[in-house]
Amino acid sequence: MNTEKVRVVLDTNIIISAFISPLGAPAEIFELFLEGNIINYTSEEIIKEVVIVIHRPEFIGCIEHHDKQFMLDNFRTLSLIIKPNSKDKVIKEDPKDDKFINCALDANATIISGDKHLLSLGKYEGITILSPREFLERLK
């Protein structure tokens, strides 16, 4: 029996969605992460993006301040923070998405995202890019 935990890179939109819609697939994935059932790899660049996005005006009122703090604290504390050596330039339409690919390449992890640019790739250099629903289906 394989007891190795699934290695993932959570896209910013998954983390935000988990707190906007607590009953959706992103929330279920964030719960798996909090429970230690999946291992999330991230980078300082990804953490910086999460901090910036969570404080955007459109999320005032959608996500309570204490939930934002809980999410940020746990994301930083429970994730394995790496400094990716990969510098691939893959997403021409949205180059800032490359940070997720480069993190996943170095971590040998699956990307979980709702981003159309990433999802349209499906796979890249041996890493898989899945929607939250696809990830949960494969996990079962």
C-alpha atoms as a PDB file:
ATOM      1  CA  MET A   1       0.000   0.000   0.000  1.00  0.00           C
ATOM      2  CA  ASN A   2       1.333   3.443  -0.962  1.00  0.00           C
ATOM      3  CA  THR A   3       1.207   5.713   2.075  1.00  0.00           C
ATOM      4  CA  GLU A   4       2.980   8.636   0.423  1.00  0.00           C
ATOM      5  CA  LYS A   5       0.916  11.800   0.666  1.00  0.00           C
ATOM      6  CA  VAL A   6      -0.081  13.588  -2.506  1.00  0.00           C
ATOM      7  CA  ARG A   7       2.157  16.549  -3.279  1.00  0.00           C
ATOM      8  CA  VAL A   8       0.321  19.620  -4.560  1.00  0.00           C
ATOM      9  CA  VAL A   9       0.777  23.269  -5.399  1.00  0.00           C
ATOM     10  CA  LEU A  10      -2.394  25.177  -4.546  1.00  0.00           C
ATOM     11  CA  ASP A  11      -3.126  28.110  -6.829  1.00  0.00           C
ATOM     12  CA  THR A  12      -4.175  31.350  -5.152  1.00  0.00           C
ATOM     13  CA  ASN A  13      -7.718  31.031  -6.520  1.00  0.00           C
ATOM     14  CA  ILE A  14      -8.153  27.710  -4.687  1.00  0.00           C
ATOM     15  CA  ILE A  15      -7.235  29.227  -1.339  1.00  0.00           C
ATOM     16  CA  ILE A  16      -9.473  32.276  -1.794  1.00  0.00           C
ATOM     17  CA  SER A  17     -12.380  30.155  -3.082  1.00  0.00           C
ATOM     18  CA  ALA A  18     -12.118  27.878  -0.044  1.00  0.00           C
ATOM     19  CA  PHE A  19     -13.080  30.789   2.192  1.00  0.00           C
ATOM     20  CA  ILE A  20     -15.669  32.371  -0.086  1.00  0.00           C
ATOM     21  CA  SER A  21     -17.547  29.101  -0.571  1.00  0.00           C
ATOM     22  CA  PRO A  22     -16.968  26.818   2.435  1.00  0.00           C
ATOM     23  CA  LEU A  23     -18.940  23.925   0.917  1.00  0.00           C
ATOM     24  CA  GLY A  24     -17.174  23.764  -2.450  1.00  0.00           C
ATOM     25  CA  ALA A  25     -14.359  21.578  -3.761  1.00  0.00           C
ATOM     26  CA  PRO A  26     -11.645  24.186  -2.948  1.00  0.00           C
ATOM     27  CA  ALA A  27     -12.782  24.198   0.700  1.00  0.00           C
ATOM     28  CA  GLU A  28     -12.627  20.404   0.770  1.00  0.00           C
ATOM     29  CA  ILE A  29      -9.075  20.551  -0.611  1.00  0.00           C
ATOM     30  CA  PHE A  30      -8.043  23.213   1.919  1.00  0.00           C
ATOM     31  CA  GLU A  31      -9.438  20.965   4.665  1.00  0.00           C
ATOM     32  CA  LEU A  32      -7.319  18.056   3.375  1.00  0.00           C
ATOM     33  CA  PHE A  33      -4.325  20.396   3.516  1.00  0.00           C
ATOM     34  CA  LEU A  34      -5.115  21.538   7.090  1.00  0.00           C
ATOM     35  CA  GLU A  35      -5.496  17.919   8.200  1.00  0.00           C
ATOM     36  CA  GLY A  36      -2.119  17.004   6.686  1.00  0.00           C
ATOM     37  CA  ASN A  37      -3.640  14.609   4.158  1.00  0.00           C
ATOM     38  CA  ILE A  38      -1.966  16.407   1.249  1.00  0.00           C
ATOM     39  CA  ILE A  39       1.352  18.242   1.210  1.00  0.00           C
ATOM     40  CA  ASN A  40       1.300  21.723  -0.280  1.00  0.00           C
ATOM     41  CA  TYR A  41       4.462  23.169  -1.761  1.00  0.00           C
ATOM     42  CA  THR A  42       4.721  26.887  -2.204  1.00  0.00           C
ATOM     43  CA  SER A  43       7.226  29.680  -2.667  1.00  0.00           C
ATOM     44  CA  GLU A  44       7.636  33.150  -1.214  1.00  0.00           C
ATOM     45  CA  GLU A  45       6.410  34.512  -4.546  1.00  0.00           C
ATOM     46  CA  ILE A  46       3.176  32.506  -4.274  1.00  0.00           C
ATOM     47  CA  ILE A  47       2.683  33.511  -0.615  1.00  0.00           C
ATOM     48  CA  LYS A  48       3.154  37.159  -1.598  1.00  0.00           C
ATOM     49  CA  GLU A  49       0.453  36.811  -4.270  1.00  0.00           C
ATOM     50  CA  VAL A  50      -1.968  35.179  -1.797  1.00  0.00           C
ATOM     51  CA  VAL A  51      -1.433  38.055   0.673  1.00  0.00           C
ATOM     52  CA  ILE A  52      -2.011  40.683  -2.026  1.00  0.00           C
ATOM     53  CA  VAL A  53      -5.111  38.995  -3.464  1.00  0.00           C
ATOM     54  CA  ILE A  54      -6.769  38.287  -0.098  1.00  0.00           C
ATOM     55  CA  HIS A  55      -6.560  41.990   0.755  1.00  0.00           C
ATOM     56  CA  ARG A  56      -8.178  43.205  -2.490  1.00  0.00           C
ATOM     57  CA  PRO A  57     -11.237  45.433  -1.969  1.00  0.00           C
ATOM     58  CA  GLU A  58     -13.599  42.905  -3.591  1.00  0.00           C
ATOM     59  CA  PHE A  59     -12.952  40.471  -0.721  1.00  0.00           C
ATOM     60  CA  ILE A  60     -13.847  42.946   2.021  1.00  0.00           C
ATOM     61  CA  GLY A  61     -17.065  41.615   3.490  1.00  0.00           C
ATOM     62  CA  CYS A  62     -16.790  38.260   1.643  1.00  0.00           C
ATOM     63  CA  ILE A  63     -14.117  36.890   3.923  1.00  0.00           C
ATOM     64  CA  GLU A  64     -13.959  37.834   7.598  1.00  0.00           C
ATOM     65  CA  HIS A  65     -10.685  39.297   8.891  1.00  0.00           C
ATOM     66  CA  HIS A  66     -10.129  36.386  11.301  1.00  0.00           C
ATOM     67  CA  ASP A  67     -10.668  33.913   8.420  1.00  0.00           C
ATOM     68  CA  LYS A  68      -8.092  35.767   6.317  1.00  0.00           C
ATOM     69  CA  GLN A  69      -5.615  35.602   9.180  1.00  0.00           C
ATOM     70  CA  PHE A  70      -6.352  31.909   9.804  1.00  0.00           C
ATOM     71  CA  MET A  71      -5.894  31.129   6.109  1.00  0.00           C
ATOM     72  CA  LEU A  72      -2.657  33.093   5.739  1.00  0.00           C
ATOM     73  CA  ASP A  73      -1.136  31.765   8.974  1.00  0.00           C
ATOM     74  CA  ASN A  74      -1.915  28.143   8.115  1.00  0.00           C
ATOM     75  CA  PHE A  75      -0.923  28.474   4.475  1.00  0.00           C
ATOM     76  CA  ARG A  76       2.499  29.786   5.485  1.00  0.00           C
ATOM     77  CA  THR A  77       3.015  27.456   8.467  1.00  0.00           C
ATOM     78  CA  LEU A  78       1.755  24.162   7.020  1.00  0.00           C
ATOM     79  CA  SER A  79       3.123  24.485   3.474  1.00  0.00           C
ATOM     80  CA  LEU A  80       6.615  23.415   2.520  1.00  0.00           C
ATOM     81  CA  ILE A  81       8.208  26.621   1.259  1.00  0.00           C
ATOM     82  CA  ILE A  82      10.762  26.053  -1.469  1.00  0.00           C
ATOM     83  CA  LYS A  83      12.850  28.311  -3.660  1.00  0.00           C
ATOM     84  CA  PRO A  84      12.248  26.938  -7.155  1.00  0.00           C
ATOM     85  CA  ASN A  85      15.283  26.614  -9.395  1.00  0.00           C
ATOM     86  CA  SER A  86      13.089  26.137 -12.460  1.00  0.00           C
ATOM     87  CA  LYS A  87      12.542  29.305 -14.439  1.00  0.00           C
ATOM     88  CA  ASP A  88      10.389  27.962 -17.271  1.00  0.00           C
ATOM     89  CA  LYS A  89       8.325  30.482 -19.177  1.00  0.00           C
ATOM     90  CA  VAL A  90       5.212  28.597 -20.201  1.00  0.00           C
ATOM     91  CA  ILE A  91       2.071  30.752 -19.895  1.00  0.00           C
ATOM     92  CA  LYS A  92       2.503  33.474 -22.504  1.00  0.00           C
ATOM     93  CA  GLU A  93      -1.010  34.902 -21.858  1.00  0.00           C
ATOM     94  CA  ASP A  94      -0.350  35.323 -18.124  1.00  0.00           C
ATOM     95  CA  PRO A  95       3.367  34.985 -17.247  1.00  0.00           C
ATOM     96  CA  LYS A  96       2.727  35.382 -13.498  1.00  0.00           C
ATOM     97  CA  ASP A  97       1.159  31.897 -13.577  1.00  0.00           C
ATOM     98  CA  ASP A  98       4.614  30.474 -14.341  1.00  0.00           C
ATOM     99  CA  LYS A  99       5.464  30.613 -10.611  1.00  0.00           C
ATOM    100  CA  PHE A 100       3.013  27.760  -9.980  1.00  0.00           C
ATOM    101  CA  ILE A 101       4.516  25.643 -12.763  1.00  0.00           C
ATOM    102  CA  ASN A 102       8.076  26.254 -11.571  1.00  0.00           C
ATOM    103  CA  CYS A 103       7.165  25.426  -7.976  1.00  0.00           C
ATOM    104  CA  ALA A 104       5.414  22.223  -9.082  1.00  0.00           C
ATOM    105  CA  LEU A 105       8.352  21.215 -11.284  1.00  0.00           C
ATOM    106  CA  ASP A 106      10.807  21.471  -8.409  1.00  0.00           C
ATOM    107  CA  ALA A 107       8.412  19.818  -5.923  1.00  0.00           C
ATOM    108  CA  ASN A 108       7.282  17.112  -8.352  1.00  0.00           C
ATOM    109  CA  ALA A 109       3.721  18.087  -7.421  1.00  0.00           C
ATOM    110  CA  THR A 110       0.284  18.374  -9.008  1.00  0.00           C
ATOM    111  CA  ILE A 111      -1.067  21.887  -9.525  1.00  0.00           C
ATOM    112  CA  ILE A 112      -4.645  22.440  -8.365  1.00  0.00           C
ATOM    113  CA  SER A 113      -6.115  25.493 -10.036  1.00  0.00           C
ATOM    114  CA  GLY A 114      -9.223  27.147 -11.373  1.00  0.00           C
ATOM    115  CA  ASP A 115      -7.132  29.275 -13.751  1.00  0.00           C
ATOM    116  CA  LYS A 116      -8.024  28.727 -17.415  1.00  0.00           C
ATOM    117  CA  HIS A 117      -4.447  29.325 -18.623  1.00  0.00           C
ATOM    118  CA  LEU A 118      -3.045  26.641 -16.344  1.00  0.00           C
ATOM    119  CA  LEU A 119      -5.948  24.222 -16.836  1.00  0.00           C
ATOM    120  CA  SER A 120      -5.685  24.470 -20.633  1.00  0.00           C
ATOM    121  CA  LEU A 121      -2.170  22.999 -20.373  1.00  0.00           C
ATOM    122  CA  GLY A 122      -3.394  19.882 -18.548  1.00  0.00           C
ATOM    123  CA  LYS A 123       0.166  18.581 -18.235  1.00  0.00           C
ATOM    124  CA  TYR A 124       3.614  20.095 -18.483  1.00  0.00           C
ATOM    125  CA  GLU A 125       6.956  18.295 -18.225  1.00  0.00           C
ATOM    126  CA  GLY A 126       5.453  15.476 -16.179  1.00  0.00           C
ATOM    127  CA  ILE A 127       3.364  17.611 -13.820  1.00  0.00           C
ATOM    128  CA  THR A 128      -0.426  17.458 -13.922  1.00  0.00           C
ATOM    129  CA  ILE A 129      -2.701  20.479 -13.649  1.00  0.00           C
ATOM    130  CA  LEU A 130      -6.176  19.707 -12.327  1.00  0.00           C
ATOM    131  CA  SER A 131      -9.326  21.575 -11.386  1.00  0.00           C
ATOM    132  CA  PRO A 132     -10.433  21.121  -7.763  1.00  0.00           C
ATOM    133  CA  ARG A 133     -13.190  18.687  -8.789  1.00  0.00           C
ATOM    134  CA  GLU A 134     -10.812  16.624 -10.984  1.00  0.00           C
ATOM    135  CA  PHE A 135      -8.299  16.459  -8.129  1.00  0.00           C
ATOM    136  CA  LEU A 136     -10.905  15.218  -5.640  1.00  0.00           C
ATOM    137  CA  GLU A 137     -12.188  12.606  -8.117  1.00  0.00           C
ATOM    138  CA  ARG A 138      -8.672  11.252  -8.677  1.00  0.00           C
ATOM    139  CA  LEU A 139      -7.983  11.230  -4.953  1.00  0.00           C
ATOM    140  CA  LYS A 140     -10.914   8.880  -4.271  1.00  0.00           C
END
